[in-house]
C-alpha atoms as a PDB file:
ATOM      1  CA  MET A   1      -4.838   5.486  11.491  1.00  0.00           C
ATOM      2  CA  ASN A   2      -6.942   2.673  10.090  1.00  0.00           C
ATOM      3  CA  TYR A   3      -4.753   1.992   7.243  1.00  0.00           C
ATOM      4  CA  SER A   4      -5.120  -1.004   4.858  1.00  0.00           C
ATOM      5  CA  VAL A   5      -3.619  -2.049   1.373  1.00  0.00           C
ATOM      6  CA  TYR A   6      -4.983  -4.601  -0.816  1.00  0.00           C
ATOM      7  CA  ARG A   7      -2.084  -6.578  -3.484  1.00  0.00           C
ATOM      8  CA  PRO A   8      -4.455  -7.065  -6.546  1.00  0.00           C
ATOM      9  CA  GLY A   9      -3.356 -10.316  -8.389  1.00  0.00           C
ATOM     10  CA  ALA A  10      -2.800 -10.764 -12.529  1.00  0.00           C
ATOM     11  CA  PRO A  11      -3.774  -9.475 -14.626  1.00  0.00           C
ATOM     12  CA  LEU A  12      -4.166  -6.186 -12.359  1.00  0.00           C
ATOM     13  CA  SER A  13      -1.044  -6.786 -10.561  1.00  0.00           C
ATOM     14  CA  ALA A  14       0.976  -5.481 -13.972  1.00  0.00           C
ATOM     15  CA  PHE A  15      -0.411  -1.897 -13.193  1.00  0.00           C
ATOM     16  CA  VAL A  16      -1.575  -1.821 -10.349  1.00  0.00           C
ATOM     17  CA  ASP A  17       0.879  -1.453  -7.382  1.00  0.00           C
ATOM     18  CA  HIS A  18      -1.791  -1.488  -4.644  1.00  0.00           C
ATOM     19  CA  LEU A  19      -5.392  -0.322  -3.446  1.00  0.00           C
ATOM     20  CA  TRP A  20      -5.747   1.096  -0.044  1.00  0.00           C
ATOM     21  CA  SER A  21      -7.915   1.987   2.405  1.00  0.00           C
ATOM     22  CA  LEU A  22      -8.180   5.183   4.987  1.00  0.00           C
ATOM     23  CA  SER A  23     -10.490   6.450   7.840  1.00  0.00           C
ATOM     24  CA  ASP A  24      -8.923   8.491  10.637  1.00  0.00           C
ATOM     25  CA  VAL A  25      -8.869  12.499  10.921  1.00  0.00           C
ATOM     26  CA  PRO A  26      -5.815  13.836  12.413  1.00  0.00           C
ATOM     27  CA  MET A  27      -5.132  16.200  14.877  1.00  0.00           C
ATOM     28  CA  HIS A  28      -3.182  18.200  12.181  1.00  0.00           C
ATOM     29  CA  ALA A  29      -5.638  20.184   9.292  1.00  0.00           C
ATOM     30  CA  ALA A  30      -3.641  19.642   6.603  1.00  0.00           C
ATOM     31  CA  GLU A  31      -1.231  17.575   5.051  1.00  0.00           C
ATOM     32  CA  CYS A  32       1.470  18.238   1.862  1.00  0.00           C
ATOM     33  CA  ILE A  33       1.229  15.225  -0.917  1.00  0.00           C
ATOM     34  CA  VAL A  34       4.593  15.106  -2.502  1.00  0.00           C
ATOM     35  CA  PRO A  35       5.449  13.617  -5.908  1.00  0.00           C
ATOM     36  CA  ASN A  36       5.796  10.184  -6.387  1.00  0.00           C
ATOM     37  CA  GLY A  37       6.428   9.494 -10.135  1.00  0.00           C
ATOM     38  CA  THR A  38       2.778   8.002 -10.794  1.00  0.00           C
ATOM     39  CA  LEU A  39      -0.648   8.455 -11.074  1.00  0.00           C
ATOM     40  CA  GLU A  40      -3.505   8.007  -8.108  1.00  0.00           C
ATOM     41  CA  LEU A  41      -7.044   7.058  -8.313  1.00  0.00           C
ATOM     42  CA  VAL A  42      -8.920   8.547  -5.234  1.00  0.00           C
ATOM     43  CA  ILE A  43     -12.619   8.362  -3.912  1.00  0.00           C
ATOM     44  CA  ASN A  44     -13.933  10.473  -0.784  1.00  0.00           C
ATOM     45  CA  LEU A  45     -16.995   8.463   0.621  1.00  0.00           C
ATOM     46  CA  ASP A  46     -18.025  10.494   3.505  1.00  0.00           C
ATOM     47  CA  GLN A  47     -17.926  13.523   1.291  1.00  0.00           C
ATOM     48  CA  ASP A  48     -18.403  14.216  -2.542  1.00  0.00           C
ATOM     49  CA  GLU A  49     -15.842  16.429  -2.756  1.00  0.00           C
ATOM     50  CA  PHE A  50     -12.106  17.042  -2.224  1.00  0.00           C
ATOM     51  CA  ARG A  51     -10.175  20.303  -1.502  1.00  0.00           C
ATOM     52  CA  ILE A  52      -6.792  20.461  -2.955  1.00  0.00           C
ATOM     53  CA  TYR A  53      -4.490  23.752  -1.813  1.00  0.00           C
ATOM     54  CA  ASP A  54      -1.618  25.147  -3.537  1.00  0.00           C
ATOM     55  CA  ARG A  55       1.359  24.885  -1.962  1.00  0.00           C
ATOM     56  CA  ASP A  56       2.899  28.448  -1.798  1.00  0.00           C
ATOM     57  CA  ASP A  57      -0.761  30.000  -1.608  1.00  0.00           C
ATOM     58  CA  PRO A  58      -3.067  27.934   0.508  1.00  0.00           C
ATOM     59  CA  ARG A  59      -5.589  30.855  -0.213  1.00  0.00           C
ATOM     60  CA  ARG A  60      -6.228  28.992  -3.361  1.00  0.00           C
ATOM     61  CA  CYS A  61      -8.538  26.236  -3.436  1.00  0.00           C
ATOM     62  CA  THR A  62      -9.656  23.409  -6.492  1.00  0.00           C
ATOM     63  CA  ARG A  63     -12.651  21.478  -5.913  1.00  0.00           C
ATOM     64  CA  ARG A  64     -12.850  18.526  -7.420  1.00  0.00           C
ATOM     65  CA  ARG A  65     -16.036  15.784  -7.023  1.00  0.00           C
ATOM     66  CA  GLY A  66     -15.556  12.777  -4.451  1.00  0.00           C
ATOM     67  CA  ALA A  67     -14.211  10.770  -6.962  1.00  0.00           C
ATOM     68  CA  MET A  68     -10.790  11.832  -9.010  1.00  0.00           C
ATOM     69  CA  VAL A  69      -7.447  11.066 -10.670  1.00  0.00           C
ATOM     70  CA  SER A  70      -4.610  12.886  -9.221  1.00  0.00           C
ATOM     71  CA  GLY A  71      -2.212  13.240 -12.834  1.00  0.00           C
ATOM     72  CA  ALA A  72       1.453  12.388 -12.158  1.00  0.00           C
ATOM     73  CA  TYR A  73       2.739  15.990 -10.437  1.00  0.00           C
ATOM     74  CA  SER A  74       5.861  17.469 -10.344  1.00  0.00           C
ATOM     75  CA  ARG A  75       5.718  19.828  -7.715  1.00  0.00           C
ATOM     76  CA  PRO A  76       3.666  19.429  -3.769  1.00  0.00           C
ATOM     77  CA  PHE A  77       0.051  19.964  -2.607  1.00  0.00           C
ATOM     78  CA  VAL A  78      -2.020  20.587   0.272  1.00  0.00           C
ATOM     79  CA  ILE A  79      -5.035  18.521   0.752  1.00  0.00           C
ATOM     80  CA  ASP A  80      -8.112  19.173   3.861  1.00  0.00           C
ATOM     81  CA  THR A  81      -7.225  15.807   5.986  1.00  0.00           C
ATOM     82  CA  ARG A  82     -11.245  16.004   6.958  1.00  0.00           C
ATOM     83  CA  ALA A  83     -11.657  14.008   3.779  1.00  0.00           C
ATOM     84  CA  HIS A  84      -9.592  11.327   5.452  1.00  0.00           C
ATOM     85  CA  ALA A  85     -12.626  10.113   7.478  1.00  0.00           C
ATOM     86  CA  SER A  86     -12.888   7.746   5.172  1.00  0.00           C
ATOM     87  CA  ILE A  87     -11.185   7.375   1.756  1.00  0.00           C
ATOM     88  CA  LEU A  88     -10.506   5.031  -0.804  1.00  0.00           C
ATOM     89  CA  GLY A  89      -7.363   4.808  -3.661  1.00  0.00           C
ATOM     90  CA  VAL A  90      -5.647   2.698  -6.266  1.00  0.00           C
ATOM     91  CA  HIS A  91      -2.045   3.571  -6.302  1.00  0.00           C
ATOM     92  CA  PHE A  92      -0.734   2.646 -10.309  1.00  0.00           C
ATOM     93  CA  LYS A  93       2.529   1.819 -11.048  1.00  0.00           C
ATOM     94  CA  PRO A  94       4.257   4.173 -12.881  1.00  0.00           C
ATOM     95  CA  GLY A  95       2.873   4.038 -16.814  1.00  0.00           C
ATOM     96  CA  GLY A  96      -0.080   1.550 -15.312  1.00  0.00           C
ATOM     97  CA  ALA A  97      -2.921   3.923 -15.600  1.00  0.00           C
ATOM     98  CA  LEU A  98      -2.639   4.207 -19.295  1.00  0.00           C
ATOM     99  CA  ASN A  99      -4.760   1.129 -19.156  1.00  0.00           C
ATOM    100  CA  PHE A 100      -7.784   2.417 -17.320  1.00  0.00           C
ATOM    101  CA  LEU A 101      -8.643   6.481 -17.797  1.00  0.00           C
ATOM    102  CA  GLY A 102      -9.682   6.304 -21.164  1.00  0.00           C
ATOM    103  CA  ALA A 103      -6.730   8.882 -21.768  1.00  0.00           C
ATOM    104  CA  PRO A 104      -3.078   9.265 -21.497  1.00  0.00           C
ATOM    105  CA  PRO A 105      -1.238  10.239 -18.324  1.00  0.00           C
ATOM    106  CA  GLY A 106       0.625  13.114 -20.317  1.00  0.00           C
ATOM    107  CA  GLU A 107      -2.999  14.454 -20.517  1.00  0.00           C
ATOM    108  CA  LEU A 108      -3.315  14.313 -16.797  1.00  0.00           C
ATOM    109  CA  ALA A 109       0.031  15.827 -15.299  1.00  0.00           C
ATOM    110  CA  ASP A 110       0.209  18.219 -12.651  1.00  0.00           C
ATOM    111  CA  ALA A 111      -3.881  17.569 -12.693  1.00  0.00           C
ATOM    112  CA  HIS A 112      -6.739  16.635 -10.353  1.00  0.00           C
ATOM    113  CA  VAL A 113      -9.287  15.465 -12.896  1.00  0.00           C
ATOM    114  CA  GLU A 114     -12.956  14.367 -11.438  1.00  0.00           C
ATOM    115  CA  LEU A 115     -13.921  10.991 -12.350  1.00  0.00           C
ATOM    116  CA  GLU A 116     -16.886  11.320 -14.363  1.00  0.00           C
ATOM    117  CA  ALA A 117     -15.118  12.887 -16.417  1.00  0.00           C
ATOM    118  CA  LEU A 118     -12.720  10.105 -17.790  1.00  0.00           C
ATOM    119  CA  TRP A 119     -15.531   7.010 -16.814  1.00  0.00           C
ATOM    120  CA  GLY A 120     -18.555   9.418 -17.217  1.00  0.00           C
ATOM    121  CA  PRO A 121     -21.829   8.363 -15.213  1.00  0.00           C
ATOM    122  CA  GLN A 122     -20.100   4.589 -14.038  1.00  0.00           C
ATOM    123  CA  ALA A 123     -17.397   6.905 -11.941  1.00  0.00           C
ATOM    124  CA  ARG A 124     -20.442   8.231  -9.910  1.00  0.00           C
ATOM    125  CA  GLU A 125     -22.245   4.657  -9.885  1.00  0.00           C
ATOM    126  CA  LEU A 126     -18.799   3.183  -8.402  1.00  0.00           C
ATOM    127  CA  ARG A 127     -18.550   5.521  -5.703  1.00  0.00           C
ATOM    128  CA  GLU A 128     -21.998   5.134  -4.648  1.00  0.00           C
ATOM    129  CA  ARG A 129     -21.582   1.321  -4.444  1.00  0.00           C
ATOM    130  CA  LEU A 130     -18.123   1.756  -2.195  1.00  0.00           C
ATOM    131  CA  CYS A 131     -20.202   4.226  -0.288  1.00  0.00           C
ATOM    132  CA  CYS A 132     -22.884   1.453   0.947  1.00  0.00           C
ATOM    133  CA  ALA A 133     -20.509  -1.281   1.298  1.00  0.00           C
ATOM    134  CA  ALA A 134     -20.277  -2.528   4.339  1.00  0.00           C
ATOM    135  CA  ASP A 135     -16.327  -2.782   4.893  1.00  0.00           C
ATOM    136  CA  SER A 136     -13.141  -2.494   3.495  1.00  0.00           C
ATOM    137  CA  ALA A 137     -12.624  -5.739   1.887  1.00  0.00           C
ATOM    138  CA  ILE A 138     -15.822  -5.326   0.190  1.00  0.00           C
ATOM    139  CA  ARG A 139     -14.967  -1.989  -1.047  1.00  0.00           C
ATOM    140  CA  PHE A 140     -11.641  -3.369  -2.294  1.00  0.00           C
ATOM    141  CA  ARG A 141     -13.280  -6.453  -4.116  1.00  0.00           C
ATOM    142  CA  ILE A 142     -15.695  -3.764  -6.173  1.00  0.00           C
ATOM    143  CA  LEU A 143     -12.870  -1.900  -6.792  1.00  0.00           C
ATOM    144  CA  GLU A 144     -10.765  -4.323  -8.387  1.00  0.00           C
ATOM    145  CA  ARG A 145     -13.718  -5.894 -10.341  1.00  0.00           C
ATOM    146  CA  ALA A 146     -14.324  -2.042 -11.781  1.00  0.00           C
ATOM    147  CA  LEU A 147     -10.764  -2.056 -12.726  1.00  0.00           C
ATOM    148  CA  LEU A 148     -10.596  -5.362 -14.623  1.00  0.00           C
ATOM    149  CA  ALA A 149     -13.807  -4.158 -16.587  1.00  0.00           C
ATOM    150  CA  ARG A 150     -12.367  -1.215 -17.586  1.00  0.00           C
ATOM    151  CA  CYS A 151      -9.308  -2.189 -18.416  1.00  0.00           C
ATOM    152  CA  ALA A 152      -8.639  -1.644 -21.819  1.00  0.00           C
ATOM    153  CA  HIS A 153      -6.042  -4.713 -22.857  1.00  0.00           C
ATOM    154  CA  ASP A 154      -5.035  -2.988 -26.193  1.00  0.00           C
ATOM    155  CA  ALA A 155      -3.758   0.151 -24.519  1.00  0.00           C
ATOM    156  CA  GLN A 156      -0.182  -1.548 -23.472  1.00  0.00           C
ATOM    157  CA  LEU A 157       2.519   0.837 -23.296  1.00  0.00           C
ATOM    158  CA  HIS A 158       5.307   1.386 -26.073  1.00  0.00           C
ATOM    159  CA  PRO A 159       7.705  -1.324 -26.032  1.00  0.00           C
ATOM    160  CA  CYS A 160      10.669   1.621 -25.223  1.00  0.00           C
ATOM    161  CA  VAL A 161       8.342   2.677 -22.194  1.00  0.00           C
ATOM    162  CA  CYS A 162       8.725  -0.640 -21.174  1.00  0.00           C
ATOM    163  CA  VAL A 163      12.217  -0.773 -21.045  1.00  0.00           C
ATOM    164  CA  ALA A 164      12.898   2.749 -20.140  1.00  0.00           C
ATOM    165  CA  LEU A 165      10.813   2.677 -16.816  1.00  0.00           C
ATOM    166  CA  PRO A 166      13.749   0.324 -14.804  1.00  0.00           C
ATOM    167  CA  ALA A 167      16.371   2.026 -16.246  1.00  0.00           C
ATOM    168  CA  PHE A 168      15.730   5.091 -15.819  1.00  0.00           C
ATOM    169  CA  ALA A 169      14.212   4.419 -12.244  1.00  0.00           C
ATOM    170  CA  LEU A 170      18.116   3.278 -11.863  1.00  0.00           C
ATOM    171  CA  GLY A 171      19.153   6.729 -13.282  1.00  0.00           C
ATOM    172  CA  SER A 172      20.549   5.396 -16.778  1.00  0.00           C
ATOM    173  CA  ALA A 173      20.854   8.467 -19.350  1.00  0.00           C
ATOM    174  CA  VAL A 174      18.071   8.969 -22.013  1.00  0.00           C
ATOM    175  CA  GLY A 175      20.784   9.151 -24.960  1.00  0.00           C
ATOM    176  CA  GLU A 176      21.170   5.385 -23.663  1.00  0.00           C
ATOM    177  CA  ILE A 177      18.010   4.227 -23.285  1.00  0.00           C
ATOM    178  CA  ALA A 178      16.729   5.805 -26.473  1.00  0.00           C
ATOM    179  CA  ALA A 179      20.242   4.139 -28.683  1.00  0.00           C
ATOM    180  CA  ASP A 180      19.574   0.633 -27.102  1.00  0.00           C
ATOM    181  CA  ALA A 181      16.009   0.953 -28.032  1.00  0.00           C
ATOM    182  CA  GLY A 182      16.687   2.211 -31.722  1.00  0.00           C
ATOM    183  CA  ILE A 183      14.985   5.304 -31.838  1.00  0.00           C
ATOM    184  CA  SER A 184      16.220   9.112 -30.885  1.00  0.00           C
ATOM    185  CA  PRO A 185      16.014  10.646 -27.542  1.00  0.00           C
ATOM    186  CA  ARG A 186      13.213  13.257 -28.489  1.00  0.00           C
ATOM    187  CA  ARG A 187      11.003  10.101 -29.828  1.00  0.00           C
ATOM    188  CA  LEU A 188      11.486   8.188 -26.756  1.00  0.00           C
ATOM    189  CA  LEU A 189      10.841  11.694 -24.968  1.00  0.00           C
ATOM    190  CA  SER A 190       7.312  12.010 -25.998  1.00  0.00           C
ATOM    191  CA  LEU A 191       6.748   8.710 -25.913  1.00  0.00           C
ATOM    192  CA  PHE A 192       7.536   8.341 -21.882  1.00  0.00           C
ATOM    193  CA  SER A 193       5.816  12.014 -21.319  1.00  0.00           C
ATOM    194  CA  ARG A 194       2.697  10.415 -22.944  1.00  0.00           C
ATOM    195  CA  GLU A 195       2.451   7.569 -21.375  1.00  0.00           C
ATOM    196  CA  VAL A 196       3.755   7.756 -17.654  1.00  0.00           C
ATOM    197  CA  GLY A 197       2.803  11.472 -17.349  1.00  0.00           C
ATOM    198  CA  LEU A 198       6.363  12.942 -16.212  1.00  0.00           C
ATOM    199  CA  ALA A 199       9.267  13.844 -18.842  1.00  0.00           C
ATOM    200  CA  PRO A 200      12.405  10.843 -18.501  1.00  0.00           C
ATOM    201  CA  LYS A 201      14.712  13.112 -16.290  1.00  0.00           C
ATOM    202  CA  LEU A 202      11.837  14.841 -13.965  1.00  0.00           C
ATOM    203  CA  PHE A 203      10.656  11.040 -13.569  1.00  0.00           C
ATOM    204  CA  MET A 204      14.427   9.974 -12.596  1.00  0.00           C
ATOM    205  CA  ARG A 205      14.722  13.209 -10.145  1.00  0.00           C
ATOM    206  CA  ILE A 206      11.335  11.758  -8.415  1.00  0.00           C
ATOM    207  CA  GLN A 207      12.454   8.342  -8.068  1.00  0.00           C
ATOM    208  CA  ARG A 208      15.964   9.221  -6.743  1.00  0.00           C
ATOM    209  CA  PHE A 209      13.692  11.780  -4.012  1.00  0.00           C
ATOM    210  CA  GLN A 210      11.322   9.285  -3.068  1.00  0.00           C
ATOM    211  CA  ARG A 211      14.387   7.226  -2.463  1.00  0.00           C
ATOM    212  CA  ALA A 212      15.716   9.756  -0.161  1.00  0.00           C
ATOM    213  CA  PHE A 213      12.472  10.567   1.289  1.00  0.00           C
ATOM    214  CA  ALA A 214      12.086   6.738   2.422  1.00  0.00           C
ATOM    215  CA  LEU A 215      15.333   6.517   3.819  1.00  0.00           C
ATOM    216  CA  ALA A 216      14.672   9.197   5.926  1.00  0.00           C
ATOM    217  CA  GLN A 217      11.437   8.275   7.335  1.00  0.00           C
ATOM    218  CA  SER A 218      12.628   4.687   7.943  1.00  0.00           C
ATOM    219  CA  ALA A 219      15.458   6.339  10.174  1.00  0.00           C
ATOM    220  CA  ALA A 220      15.581   8.004  13.417  1.00  0.00           C
ATOM    221  CA  GLY A 221      18.143  10.426  13.274  1.00  0.00           C
ATOM    222  CA  PRO A 222      19.506   9.708   9.347  1.00  0.00           C
ATOM    223  CA  VAL A 223      23.114  11.284   8.766  1.00  0.00           C
ATOM    224  CA  TRP A 224      22.169  13.342   5.115  1.00  0.00           C
ATOM    225  CA  SER A 225      25.244  13.332   4.000  1.00  0.00           C
ATOM    226  CA  LYS A 226      25.457   9.482   3.770  1.00  0.00           C
ATOM    227  CA  LEU A 227      21.862   9.457   2.587  1.00  0.00           C
ATOM    228  CA  ALA A 228      22.156  11.319   0.130  1.00  0.00           C
ATOM    229  CA  ALA A 229      25.086   9.584  -1.411  1.00  0.00           C
ATOM    230  CA  ASP A 230      23.059   6.029  -0.683  1.00  0.00           C
ATOM    231  CA  SER A 231      20.013   7.559  -2.791  1.00  0.00           C
ATOM    232  CA  GLY A 232      22.553   8.914  -6.332  1.00  0.00           C
ATOM    233  CA  TYR A 233      22.820  12.337  -5.006  1.00  0.00           C
ATOM    234  CA  PHE A 234      26.545  14.287  -5.461  1.00  0.00           C
ATOM    235  CA  ASP A 235      26.010  15.962  -2.871  1.00  0.00           C
ATOM    236  CA  GLN A 236      24.100  16.886   0.472  1.00  0.00           C
ATOM    237  CA  SER A 237      22.396  20.088  -0.795  1.00  0.00           C
ATOM    238  CA  HIS A 238      21.978  18.614  -4.536  1.00  0.00           C
ATOM    239  CA  MET A 239      19.934  16.523  -2.305  1.00  0.00           C
ATOM    240  CA  ILE A 240      18.623  19.383   0.056  1.00  0.00           C
ATOM    241  CA  ARG A 241      17.742  20.974  -3.274  1.00  0.00           C
ATOM    242  CA  ASP A 242      15.096  18.734  -4.007  1.00  0.00           C
ATOM    243  CA  PHE A 243      13.461  18.385  -0.751  1.00  0.00           C
ATOM    244  CA  LEU A 244      12.883  21.836  -0.831  1.00  0.00           C
ATOM    245  CA  GLU A 245      11.191  21.823  -4.720  1.00  0.00           C
ATOM    246  CA  PHE A 246       9.039  18.790  -4.203  1.00  0.00           C
ATOM    247  CA  THR A 247       8.137  19.097  -0.465  1.00  0.00           C
ATOM    248  CA  GLY A 248       8.671  23.124   0.251  1.00  0.00           C
ATOM    249  CA  PHE A 249      10.702  21.984   3.059  1.00  0.00           C
ATOM    250  CA  SER A 250      14.750  21.402   3.856  1.00  0.00           C
ATOM    251  CA  PRO A 251      14.882  17.527   5.022  1.00  0.00           C
ATOM    252  CA  ASP A 252      15.163  18.298   8.990  1.00  0.00           C
ATOM    253  CA  GLU A 253      12.181  20.109   8.728  1.00  0.00           C
ATOM    254  CA  VAL A 254      10.481  17.033   7.095  1.00  0.00           C
ATOM    255  CA  GLN A 255      12.047  15.212   9.537  1.00  0.00           C
ATOM    256  CA  ARG A 256      10.363  17.339  12.427  1.00  0.00           C
ATOM    257  CA  ARG A 257       7.005  16.992  10.917  1.00  0.00           C
ATOM    258  CA  ARG A 258       6.762  13.315  10.753  1.00  0.00           C
ATOM    259  CA  LYS A 259       4.023  11.962  12.947  1.00  0.00           C
ATOM    260  CA  PRO A 260       2.754   8.345  13.680  1.00  0.00           C
ATOM    261  CA  HIS A 261      -0.700   8.636  11.854  1.00  0.00           C
ATOM    262  CA  VAL A 262       0.824  10.020   8.381  1.00  0.00           C
ATOM    263  CA  LYS A 263       0.578   8.369   4.919  1.00  0.00           C
ATOM    264  CA  VAL A 264       3.343   7.658   2.854  1.00  0.00           C
ATOM    265  CA  HIS A 265       4.093  10.408   0.417  1.00  0.00           C
ATOM    266  CA  HIS A 266       2.413  12.621   2.718  1.00  0.00           C
ATOM    267  CA  VAL A 267       4.511  15.797   5.577  1.00  0.00           C
ATOM    268  CA  ALA A 268       1.883  16.995   8.177  1.00  0.00           C
ATOM    269  CA  LEU A 269       1.607  20.980   7.856  1.00  0.00           C
ATOM    270  CA  LEU A 270      -0.492  21.966  10.786  1.00  0.00           C
END
C-alpha cells in the first residue's frame, strides 16, 4: 500500500491531525469504514466520484462527486476500493472541522456531503489543481494552503467544548463536566453535538471502541477479556456489542479480516 502522511504545523495543527495520501487498489473489492469520532475531507484524484454503500444493504449506493466531507458517523459504511487508485484526505481532530467547512459538524453528522456544497466553486478548482500536481508532497502543500485560506479564526470551539473533549475521551461524566463548566448538561450536550458532530455519550463510546480496535489491530492474538478491560469496558460481552454495532463483525471476525494493505479505521470485506 502506497500510503503517506503529512502533519501540518501551527496553526493548522490545532485543528487537523494529519493529511494523507493513498494510491493502491487492493485485491478485495470493498472495505468497511468504522466510526472514529471525527470528520474527514477526501478527494478522489482518479475519478470524479465516490460510491458509498449501506453496511446492512450493499444494494443501496450513494454517489458523490470526487471531493466530499464525511461527517462524524455513528454507524459503519462501505466504500468501493477502486477509489483507492489515487485519493487524498484530511483527518480533522475532534471538533477541528468547525473552522473550515462553513457548516457546523452537527449538521453533517452521518452524512457524506459534496465539498462543493460547502465551499462552492473553490472545491472543484482545488480538486483540479490537486489532480495536476506531480506528487504527494506538492499535493500536501496545495491542500495545506487551501485549508489555511479557509480557516475561520472566529469560529473557535466553545470553551466548554474545549474542556469537555479531553475529559470525555477519558470517560468523564456529562454531568460532572457540565457542573465544572457552570452550565446545564442539556446545554453542554447541545454545544458538543453541534461543534463536534456527535452527542457526548456516543462520542465517549466511539473513543472507547477505538481504543479497543487499535489494541486489537496491534496484537497478533489478543486476549479479549484483558483487551476489553484495558480499553475501559465493563466486560468482554460489553466490548463485543460495540464491535458488532460499529463494524458489523465480532472482534474475532475483525481479526480474521486483518490485511497488511488496509488503512486504519478500515476493515476488508471481500
